[in-house]
Amino acid sequence: MSDSVNANAVLAPVATSVLTHIVRSIVDTPDAVKVESLNDEGKIILEVRVADGDLGRVIGRRGRTAQSIRAVVRAAASRDNAEVDVDFLDD
């Protein structure tokens, strides 16, 4: 299935744009936010990379902010007819 997907194509465009908007509004360095989409056996993984020091702002206390972001992005992914998971990575 991943062979027919263009490497430059965004796999879940609505979910990716929602995720990018939310994360950029939270961090101190919005230009450093990068969202990459990977296909993992039918599930789309959105990897978010942020600048040094911004990961704590995205994750929040006890991971509550990260869980809320994941819930909103999963809801947005329904517009893409896709199942997504969000991973936060420190750059």
PDB file of N, CA and C in Angstrom:
ATOM      1  N   MET A   1       0.815  -1.186   0.000  1.00  0.00           N
ATOM      2  CA  MET A   1       0.000   0.000   0.000  1.00  0.00           C
ATOM      3  C   MET A   1       0.865   1.258   0.000  1.00  0.00           C
ATOM      4  N   SER A   2       1.966   1.256   0.731  1.00  0.00           N
ATOM      5  CA  SER A   2       2.804   2.436   0.786  1.00  0.00           C
ATOM      6  C   SER A   2       3.579   2.653  -0.509  1.00  0.00           C
ATOM      7  N   ASP A   3       3.650   1.639  -1.396  1.00  0.00           N
ATOM      8  CA  ASP A   3       4.363   1.788  -2.657  1.00  0.00           C
ATOM      9  C   ASP A   3       3.648   2.759  -3.587  1.00  0.00           C
ATOM     10  N   SER A   4       2.329   2.826  -3.515  1.00  0.00           N
ATOM     11  CA  SER A   4       1.576   3.683  -4.413  1.00  0.00           C
ATOM     12  C   SER A   4       1.476   5.123  -3.912  1.00  0.00           C
ATOM     13  N   VAL A   5       1.929   5.375  -2.684  1.00  0.00           N
ATOM     14  CA  VAL A   5       1.846   6.712  -2.108  1.00  0.00           C
ATOM     15  C   VAL A   5       3.090   7.500  -2.492  1.00  0.00           C
ATOM     16  N   ASN A   6       2.882   8.716  -2.991  1.00  0.00           N
ATOM     17  CA  ASN A   6       3.984   9.596  -3.328  1.00  0.00           C
ATOM     18  C   ASN A   6       4.721   9.987  -2.049  1.00  0.00           C
ATOM     19  N   ALA A   7       6.039   9.959  -2.079  1.00  0.00           N
ATOM     20  CA  ALA A   7       6.835  10.249  -0.890  1.00  0.00           C
ATOM     21  C   ALA A   7       6.651  11.689  -0.420  1.00  0.00           C
ATOM     22  N   ASN A   8       6.336  12.607  -1.327  1.00  0.00           N
ATOM     23  CA  ASN A   8       6.158  14.001  -0.962  1.00  0.00           C
ATOM     24  C   ASN A   8       4.727  14.342  -0.558  1.00  0.00           C
ATOM     25  N   ALA A   9       3.797  13.424  -0.728  1.00  0.00           N
ATOM     26  CA  ALA A   9       2.397  13.685  -0.420  1.00  0.00           C
ATOM     27  C   ALA A   9       2.163  13.615   1.088  1.00  0.00           C
ATOM     28  N   VAL A  10       1.299  14.486   1.572  1.00  0.00           N
ATOM     29  CA  VAL A  10       0.904  14.447   2.971  1.00  0.00           C
ATOM     30  C   VAL A  10      -0.193  13.405   3.091  1.00  0.00           C
ATOM     31  N   LEU A  11      -0.030  12.475   4.011  1.00  0.00           N
ATOM     32  CA  LEU A  11      -0.946  11.343   4.103  1.00  0.00           C
ATOM     33  C   LEU A  11      -2.300  11.729   4.705  1.00  0.00           C
ATOM     34  N   ALA A  12      -2.324  12.626   5.643  1.00  0.00           N
ATOM     35  CA  ALA A  12      -3.577  13.076   6.261  1.00  0.00           C
ATOM     36  C   ALA A  12      -3.535  14.601   6.320  1.00  0.00           C
ATOM     37  N   PRO A  13      -3.912  15.273   5.239  1.00  0.00           N
ATOM     38  CA  PRO A  13      -3.712  16.731   5.169  1.00  0.00           C
ATOM     39  C   PRO A  13      -4.478  17.531   6.211  1.00  0.00           C
ATOM     40  N   VAL A  14      -5.707  17.160   6.512  1.00  0.00           N
ATOM     41  CA  VAL A  14      -6.482  17.921   7.500  1.00  0.00           C
ATOM     42  C   VAL A  14      -5.880  17.735   8.885  1.00  0.00           C
ATOM     43  N   ALA A  15      -5.597  16.502   9.257  1.00  0.00           N
ATOM     44  CA  ALA A  15      -5.014  16.223  10.572  1.00  0.00           C
ATOM     45  C   ALA A  15      -3.650  16.885  10.712  1.00  0.00           C
ATOM     46  N   THR A  16      -2.855  16.861   9.654  1.00  0.00           N
ATOM     47  CA  THR A  16      -1.529  17.466   9.693  1.00  0.00           C
ATOM     48  C   THR A  16      -1.611  18.975   9.862  1.00  0.00           C
ATOM     49  N   SER A  17      -2.521  19.613   9.148  1.00  0.00           N
ATOM     50  CA  SER A  17      -2.639  21.070   9.273  1.00  0.00           C
ATOM     51  C   SER A  17      -3.181  21.473  10.633  1.00  0.00           C
ATOM     52  N   VAL A  18      -4.116  20.712  11.177  1.00  0.00           N
ATOM     53  CA  VAL A  18      -4.638  20.994  12.520  1.00  0.00           C
ATOM     54  C   VAL A  18      -3.534  20.838  13.553  1.00  0.00           C
ATOM     55  N   LEU A  19      -2.770  19.759  13.449  1.00  0.00           N
ATOM     56  CA  LEU A  19      -1.670  19.514  14.380  1.00  0.00           C
ATOM     57  C   LEU A  19      -0.631  20.626  14.300  1.00  0.00           C
ATOM     58  N   THR A  20      -0.260  21.011  13.096  1.00  0.00           N
ATOM     59  CA  THR A  20       0.731  22.069  12.912  1.00  0.00           C
ATOM     60  C   THR A  20       0.250  23.380  13.525  1.00  0.00           C
ATOM     61  N   HIS A  21      -0.998  23.723  13.297  1.00  0.00           N
ATOM     62  CA  HIS A  21      -1.555  24.965  13.836  1.00  0.00           C
ATOM     63  C   HIS A  21      -1.557  24.965  15.369  1.00  0.00           C
ATOM     64  N   ILE A  22      -1.995  23.875  15.963  1.00  0.00           N
ATOM     65  CA  ILE A  22      -2.067  23.799  17.427  1.00  0.00           C
ATOM     66  C   ILE A  22      -0.681  23.903  18.045  1.00  0.00           C
ATOM     67  N   VAL A  23       0.263  23.120  17.527  1.00  0.00           N
ATOM     68  CA  VAL A  23       1.602  23.107  18.117  1.00  0.00           C
ATOM     69  C   VAL A  23       2.294  24.456  17.930  1.00  0.00           C
ATOM     70  N   ARG A  24       2.154  25.065  16.762  1.00  0.00           N
ATOM     71  CA  ARG A  24       2.786  26.376  16.532  1.00  0.00           C
ATOM     72  C   ARG A  24       2.218  27.448  17.447  1.00  0.00           C
ATOM     73  N   SER A  25       0.958  27.308  17.841  1.00  0.00           N
ATOM     74  CA  SER A  25       0.366  28.309  18.729  1.00  0.00           C
ATOM     75  C   SER A  25       0.808  28.129  20.177  1.00  0.00           C
ATOM     76  N   ILE A  26       1.355  26.973  20.519  1.00  0.00           N
ATOM     77  CA  ILE A  26       1.762  26.697  21.892  1.00  0.00           C
ATOM     78  C   ILE A  26       3.233  27.044  22.142  1.00  0.00           C
ATOM     79  N   VAL A  27       4.109  26.756  21.196  1.00  0.00           N
ATOM     80  CA  VAL A  27       5.554  26.847  21.414  1.00  0.00           C
ATOM     81  C   VAL A  27       6.068  28.280  21.322  1.00  0.00           C
ATOM     82  N   ASP A  28       7.282  28.486  21.830  1.00  0.00           N
ATOM     83  CA  ASP A  28       7.938  29.788  21.758  1.00  0.00           C
ATOM     84  C   ASP A  28       8.567  30.032  20.391  1.00  0.00           C
ATOM     85  N   THR A  29       8.968  28.951  19.707  1.00  0.00           N
ATOM     86  CA  THR A  29       9.622  29.058  18.405  1.00  0.00           C
ATOM     87  C   THR A  29       8.776  28.342  17.353  1.00  0.00           C
ATOM     88  N   PRO A  30       7.729  29.001  16.837  1.00  0.00           N
ATOM     89  CA  PRO A  30       6.824  28.322  15.899  1.00  0.00           C
ATOM     90  C   PRO A  30       7.474  27.958  14.562  1.00  0.00           C
ATOM     91  N   ASP A  31       8.515  28.677  14.161  1.00  0.00           N
ATOM     92  CA  ASP A  31       9.167  28.365  12.888  1.00  0.00           C
ATOM     93  C   ASP A  31       9.953  27.058  12.941  1.00  0.00           C
ATOM     94  N   ALA A  32      10.250  26.569  14.134  1.00  0.00           N
ATOM     95  CA  ALA A  32      11.019  25.336  14.280  1.00  0.00           C
ATOM     96  C   ALA A  32      10.138  24.082  14.277  1.00  0.00           C
ATOM     97  N   VAL A  33       8.828  24.253  14.243  1.00  0.00           N
ATOM     98  CA  VAL A  33       7.911  23.102  14.272  1.00  0.00           C
ATOM     99  C   VAL A  33       7.911  22.407  12.918  1.00  0.00           C
ATOM    100  N   LYS A  34       8.128  21.095  12.964  1.00  0.00           N
ATOM    101  CA  LYS A  34       8.103  20.279  11.743  1.00  0.00           C
ATOM    102  C   LYS A  34       7.218  19.064  11.991  1.00  0.00           C
ATOM    103  N   VAL A  35       6.305  18.796  11.072  1.00  0.00           N
ATOM    104  CA  VAL A  35       5.419  17.648  11.179  1.00  0.00           C
ATOM    105  C   VAL A  35       5.687  16.737   9.986  1.00  0.00           C
ATOM    106  N   GLU A  36       5.996  15.487  10.276  1.00  0.00           N
ATOM    107  CA  GLU A  36       6.287  14.506   9.240  1.00  0.00           C
ATOM    108  C   GLU A  36       5.273  13.376   9.352  1.00  0.00           C
ATOM    109  N   SER A  37       4.766  12.893   8.223  1.00  0.00           N
ATOM    110  CA  SER A  37       3.787  11.803   8.254  1.00  0.00           C
ATOM    111  C   SER A  37       4.409  10.536   7.699  1.00  0.00           C
ATOM    112  N   LEU A  38       4.178   9.443   8.419  1.00  0.00           N
ATOM    113  CA  LEU A  38       4.687   8.130   8.036  1.00  0.00           C
ATOM    114  C   LEU A  38       3.525   7.147   7.993  1.00  0.00           C
ATOM    115  N   ASN A  39       3.577   6.211   7.063  1.00  0.00           N
ATOM    116  CA  ASN A  39       2.551   5.179   6.971  1.00  0.00           C
ATOM    117  C   ASN A  39       3.082   3.909   7.621  1.00  0.00           C
ATOM    118  N   ASP A  40       2.369   3.430   8.635  1.00  0.00           N
ATOM    119  CA  ASP A  40       2.785   2.230   9.358  1.00  0.00           C
ATOM    120  C   ASP A  40       1.654   1.215   9.337  1.00  0.00           C
ATOM    121  N   GLU A  41       1.640   0.383   8.301  1.00  0.00           N
ATOM    122  CA  GLU A  41       0.648  -0.689   8.163  1.00  0.00           C
ATOM    123  C   GLU A  41      -0.782  -0.166   8.293  1.00  0.00           C
ATOM    124  N   GLY A  42      -1.120   0.852   7.518  1.00  0.00           N
ATOM    125  CA  GLY A  42      -2.474   1.379   7.509  1.00  0.00           C
ATOM    126  C   GLY A  42      -2.738   2.472   8.518  1.00  0.00           C
ATOM    127  N   LYS A  43      -1.864   2.644   9.489  1.00  0.00           N
ATOM    128  CA  LYS A  43      -2.012   3.712  10.474  1.00  0.00           C
ATOM    129  C   LYS A  43      -0.994   4.803  10.149  1.00  0.00           C
ATOM    130  N   ILE A  44      -1.436   6.031  10.180  1.00  0.00           N
ATOM    131  CA  ILE A  44      -0.555   7.151   9.878  1.00  0.00           C
ATOM    132  C   ILE A  44       0.019   7.691  11.175  1.00  0.00           C
ATOM    133  N   ILE A  45       1.340   7.810  11.205  1.00  0.00           N
ATOM    134  CA  ILE A  45       2.016   8.355  12.371  1.00  0.00           C
ATOM    135  C   ILE A  45       2.490   9.754  12.022  1.00  0.00           C
ATOM    136  N   LEU A  46       2.076  10.719  12.802  1.00  0.00           N
ATOM    137  CA  LEU A  46       2.519  12.095  12.621  1.00  0.00           C
ATOM    138  C   LEU A  46       3.574  12.394  13.675  1.00  0.00           C
ATOM    139  N   GLU A  47       4.800  12.621  13.209  1.00  0.00           N
ATOM    140  CA  GLU A  47       5.910  12.927  14.107  1.00  0.00           C
ATOM    141  C   GLU A  47       6.089  14.435  14.161  1.00  0.00           C
ATOM    142  N   VAL A  48       6.058  14.973  15.363  1.00  0.00           N
ATOM    143  CA  VAL A  48       6.198  16.411  15.562  1.00  0.00           C
ATOM    144  C   VAL A  48       7.560  16.674  16.191  1.00  0.00           C
ATOM    145  N   ARG A  49       8.317  17.548  15.534  1.00  0.00           N
ATOM    146  CA  ARG A  49       9.606  17.965  16.072  1.00  0.00           C
ATOM    147  C   ARG A  49       9.517  19.441  16.428  1.00  0.00           C
ATOM    148  N   VAL A  50      10.004  19.775  17.637  1.00  0.00           N
ATOM    149  CA  VAL A  50       9.986  21.157  18.102  1.00  0.00           C
ATOM    150  C   VAL A  50      11.400  21.553  18.532  1.00  0.00           C
ATOM    151  N   ALA A  51      11.613  22.839  18.734  1.00  0.00           N
ATOM    152  CA  ALA A  51      12.926  23.347  19.140  1.00  0.00           C
ATOM    153  C   ALA A  51      13.247  22.913  20.570  1.00  0.00           C
ATOM    154  N   ASP A  52      14.526  23.033  20.902  1.00  0.00           N
ATOM    155  CA  ASP A  52      14.958  22.732  22.271  1.00  0.00           C
ATOM    156  C   ASP A  52      14.197  23.617  23.248  1.00  0.00           C
ATOM    157  N   GLY A  53      13.704  23.030  24.298  1.00  0.00           N
ATOM    158  CA  GLY A  53      12.990  23.777  25.320  1.00  0.00           C
ATOM    159  C   GLY A  53      11.491  23.864  25.103  1.00  0.00           C
ATOM    160  N   ASP A  54      11.018  23.568  23.909  1.00  0.00           N
ATOM    161  CA  ASP A  54       9.581  23.670  23.631  1.00  0.00           C
ATOM    162  C   ASP A  54       8.830  22.360  23.861  1.00  0.00           C
ATOM    163  N   LEU A  55       9.535  21.270  23.994  1.00  0.00           N
ATOM    164  CA  LEU A  55       8.861  19.974  24.149  1.00  0.00           C
ATOM    165  C   LEU A  55       8.014  19.935  25.419  1.00  0.00           C
ATOM    166  N   GLY A  56       8.513  20.519  26.494  1.00  0.00           N
ATOM    167  CA  GLY A  56       7.765  20.549  27.751  1.00  0.00           C
ATOM    168  C   GLY A  56       6.459  21.312  27.625  1.00  0.00           C
ATOM    169  N   ARG A  57       6.463  22.368  26.838  1.00  0.00           N
ATOM    170  CA  ARG A  57       5.240  23.150  26.624  1.00  0.00           C
ATOM    171  C   ARG A  57       4.209  22.331  25.852  1.00  0.00           C
ATOM    172  N   VAL A  58       4.663  21.516  24.908  1.00  0.00           N
ATOM    173  CA  VAL A  58       3.750  20.722  24.094  1.00  0.00           C
ATOM    174  C   VAL A  58       3.204  19.538  24.887  1.00  0.00           C
ATOM    175  N   ILE A  59       4.038  18.939  25.711  1.00  0.00           N
ATOM    176  CA  ILE A  59       3.594  17.776  26.483  1.00  0.00           C
ATOM    177  C   ILE A  59       2.712  18.200  27.657  1.00  0.00           C
ATOM    178  N   GLY A  60       3.080  19.266  28.344  1.00  0.00           N
ATOM    179  CA  GLY A  60       2.271  19.759  29.458  1.00  0.00           C
ATOM    180  C   GLY A  60       2.462  18.943  30.721  1.00  0.00           C
ATOM    181  N   ARG A  61       1.776  19.368  31.752  1.00  0.00           N
ATOM    182  CA  ARG A  61       1.869  18.663  33.033  1.00  0.00           C
ATOM    183  C   ARG A  61       1.189  17.314  32.938  1.00  0.00           C
ATOM    184  N   ARG A  62       1.946  16.306  33.325  1.00  0.00           N
ATOM    185  CA  ARG A  62       1.468  14.911  33.300  1.00  0.00           C
ATOM    186  C   ARG A  62       0.971  14.483  31.918  1.00  0.00           C
ATOM    187  N   GLY A  63       1.428  15.165  30.877  1.00  0.00           N
ATOM    188  CA  GLY A  63       1.070  14.787  29.515  1.00  0.00           C
ATOM    189  C   GLY A  63      -0.327  15.169  29.088  1.00  0.00           C
ATOM    190  N   ARG A  64      -0.965  16.024  29.852  1.00  0.00           N
ATOM    191  CA  ARG A  64      -2.362  16.376  29.549  1.00  0.00           C
ATOM    192  C   ARG A  64      -2.495  17.163  28.251  1.00  0.00           C
ATOM    193  N   THR A  65      -1.571  18.078  27.995  1.00  0.00           N
ATOM    194  CA  THR A  65      -1.639  18.854  26.758  1.00  0.00           C
ATOM    195  C   THR A  65      -1.435  17.939  25.561  1.00  0.00           C
ATOM    196  N   ALA A  66      -0.463  17.046  25.651  1.00  0.00           N
ATOM    197  CA  ALA A  66      -0.193  16.111  24.556  1.00  0.00           C
ATOM    198  C   ALA A  66      -1.399  15.211  24.297  1.00  0.00           C
ATOM    199  N   GLN A  67      -2.039  14.739  25.343  1.00  0.00           N
ATOM    200  CA  GLN A  67      -3.216  13.884  25.182  1.00  0.00           C
ATOM    201  C   GLN A  67      -4.361  14.658  24.538  1.00  0.00           C
ATOM    202  N   SER A  68      -4.521  15.916  24.912  1.00  0.00           N
ATOM    203  CA  SER A  68      -5.574  16.737  24.315  1.00  0.00           C
ATOM    204  C   SER A  68      -5.303  16.995  22.840  1.00  0.00           C
ATOM    205  N   ILE A  69      -4.044  17.265  22.513  1.00  0.00           N
ATOM    206  CA  ILE A  69      -3.675  17.468  21.109  1.00  0.00           C
ATOM    207  C   ILE A  69      -3.955  16.201  20.317  1.00  0.00           C
ATOM    208  N   ARG A  70      -3.590  15.054  20.864  1.00  0.00           N
ATOM    209  CA  ARG A  70      -3.838  13.777  20.173  1.00  0.00           C
ATOM    210  C   ARG A  70      -5.329  13.569  19.930  1.00  0.00           C
ATOM    211  N   ALA A  71      -6.167  13.896  20.902  1.00  0.00           N
ATOM    212  CA  ALA A  71      -7.611  13.704  20.758  1.00  0.00           C
ATOM    213  C   ALA A  71      -8.176  14.596  19.654  1.00  0.00           C
ATOM    214  N   VAL A  72      -7.746  15.848  19.597  1.00  0.00           N
ATOM    215  CA  VAL A  72      -8.234  16.769  18.572  1.00  0.00           C
ATOM    216  C   VAL A  72      -7.766  16.330  17.188  1.00  0.00           C
ATOM    217  N   VAL A  73      -6.508  15.911  17.087  1.00  0.00           N
ATOM    218  CA  VAL A  73      -5.960  15.493  15.793  1.00  0.00           C
ATOM    219  C   VAL A  73      -6.637  14.208  15.314  1.00  0.00           C
ATOM    220  N   ARG A  74      -6.927  13.292  16.211  1.00  0.00           N
ATOM    221  CA  ARG A  74      -7.646  12.071  15.808  1.00  0.00           C
ATOM    222  C   ARG A  74      -9.040  12.412  15.292  1.00  0.00           C
ATOM    223  N   ALA A  75      -9.693  13.375  15.922  1.00  0.00           N
ATOM    224  CA  ALA A  75     -11.009  13.797  15.446  1.00  0.00           C
ATOM    225  C   ALA A  75     -10.899  14.446  14.070  1.00  0.00           C
ATOM    226  N   ALA A  76      -9.859  15.254  13.859  1.00  0.00           N
ATOM    227  CA  ALA A  76      -9.651  15.891  12.553  1.00  0.00           C
ATOM    228  C   ALA A  76      -9.313  14.855  11.488  1.00  0.00           C
ATOM    229  N   ALA A  77      -8.673  13.768  11.887  1.00  0.00           N
ATOM    230  CA  ALA A  77      -8.290  12.719  10.938  1.00  0.00           C
ATOM    231  C   ALA A  77      -9.506  11.991  10.381  1.00  0.00           C
ATOM    232  N   SER A  78     -10.621  12.096  11.045  1.00  0.00           N
ATOM    233  CA  SER A  78     -11.828  11.467  10.512  1.00  0.00           C
ATOM    234  C   SER A  78     -12.238  12.128   9.200  1.00  0.00           C
ATOM    235  N   ARG A  79     -11.888  13.402   9.017  1.00  0.00           N
ATOM    236  CA  ARG A  79     -12.145  14.092   7.743  1.00  0.00           C
ATOM    237  C   ARG A  79     -11.276  13.506   6.623  1.00  0.00           C
ATOM    238  N   ASP A  80     -10.128  12.939   7.007  1.00  0.00           N
ATOM    239  CA  ASP A  80      -9.208  12.321   6.045  1.00  0.00           C
ATOM    240  C   ASP A  80      -9.495  10.831   5.852  1.00  0.00           C
ATOM    241  N   ASN A  81     -10.492  10.313   6.583  1.00  0.00           N
ATOM    242  CA  ASN A  81     -10.757   8.866   6.594  1.00  0.00           C
ATOM    243  C   ASN A  81      -9.501   8.088   6.932  1.00  0.00           C
ATOM    244  N   ALA A  82      -8.818   8.527   7.980  1.00  0.00           N
ATOM    245  CA  ALA A  82      -7.555   7.908   8.362  1.00  0.00           C
ATOM    246  C   ALA A  82      -7.505   7.731   9.877  1.00  0.00           C
ATOM    247  N   GLU A  83      -6.683   6.790  10.280  1.00  0.00           N
ATOM    248  CA  GLU A  83      -6.408   6.572  11.694  1.00  0.00           C
ATOM    249  C   GLU A  83      -4.993   7.082  11.946  1.00  0.00           C
ATOM    250  N   VAL A  84      -4.850   8.009  12.878  1.00  0.00           N
ATOM    251  CA  VAL A  84      -3.547   8.619  13.112  1.00  0.00           C
ATOM    252  C   VAL A  84      -3.104   8.459  14.555  1.00  0.00           C
ATOM    253  N   ASP A  85      -1.789   8.548  14.723  1.00  0.00           N
ATOM    254  CA  ASP A  85      -1.177   8.586  16.037  1.00  0.00           C
ATOM    255  C   ASP A  85      -0.151   9.720  15.999  1.00  0.00           C
ATOM    256  N   VAL A  86       0.025  10.420  17.100  1.00  0.00           N
ATOM    257  CA  VAL A  86       0.923  11.568  17.139  1.00  0.00           C
ATOM    258  C   VAL A  86       2.069  11.265  18.095  1.00  0.00           C
ATOM    259  N   ASP A  87       3.298  11.447  17.597  1.00  0.00           N
ATOM    260  CA  ASP A  87       4.503  11.293  18.424  1.00  0.00           C
ATOM    261  C   ASP A  87       5.199  12.636  18.512  1.00  0.00           C
ATOM    262  N   PHE A  88       5.594  13.034  19.712  1.00  0.00           N
ATOM    263  CA  PHE A  88       6.297  14.291  19.924  1.00  0.00           C
ATOM    264  C   PHE A  88       7.777  13.999  20.124  1.00  0.00           C
ATOM    265  N   LEU A  89       8.618  14.622  19.322  1.00  0.00           N
ATOM    266  CA  LEU A  89      10.054  14.386  19.373  1.00  0.00           C
ATOM    267  C   LEU A  89      10.783  15.699  19.611  1.00  0.00           C
ATOM    268  N   ASP A  90      11.865  15.637  20.385  1.00  0.00           N
ATOM    269  CA  ASP A  90      12.670  16.822  20.634  1.00  0.00           C
ATOM    270  C   ASP A  90      13.742  16.916  19.559  1.00  0.00           C
ATOM    271  N   ASP A  91      13.896  18.058  18.960  1.00  0.00           N
ATOM    272  CA  ASP A  91      14.859  18.224  17.869  1.00  0.00           C
ATOM    273  C   ASP A  91      16.224  18.592  18.354  1.00  0.00           C
TER     274      ASP A  91
END
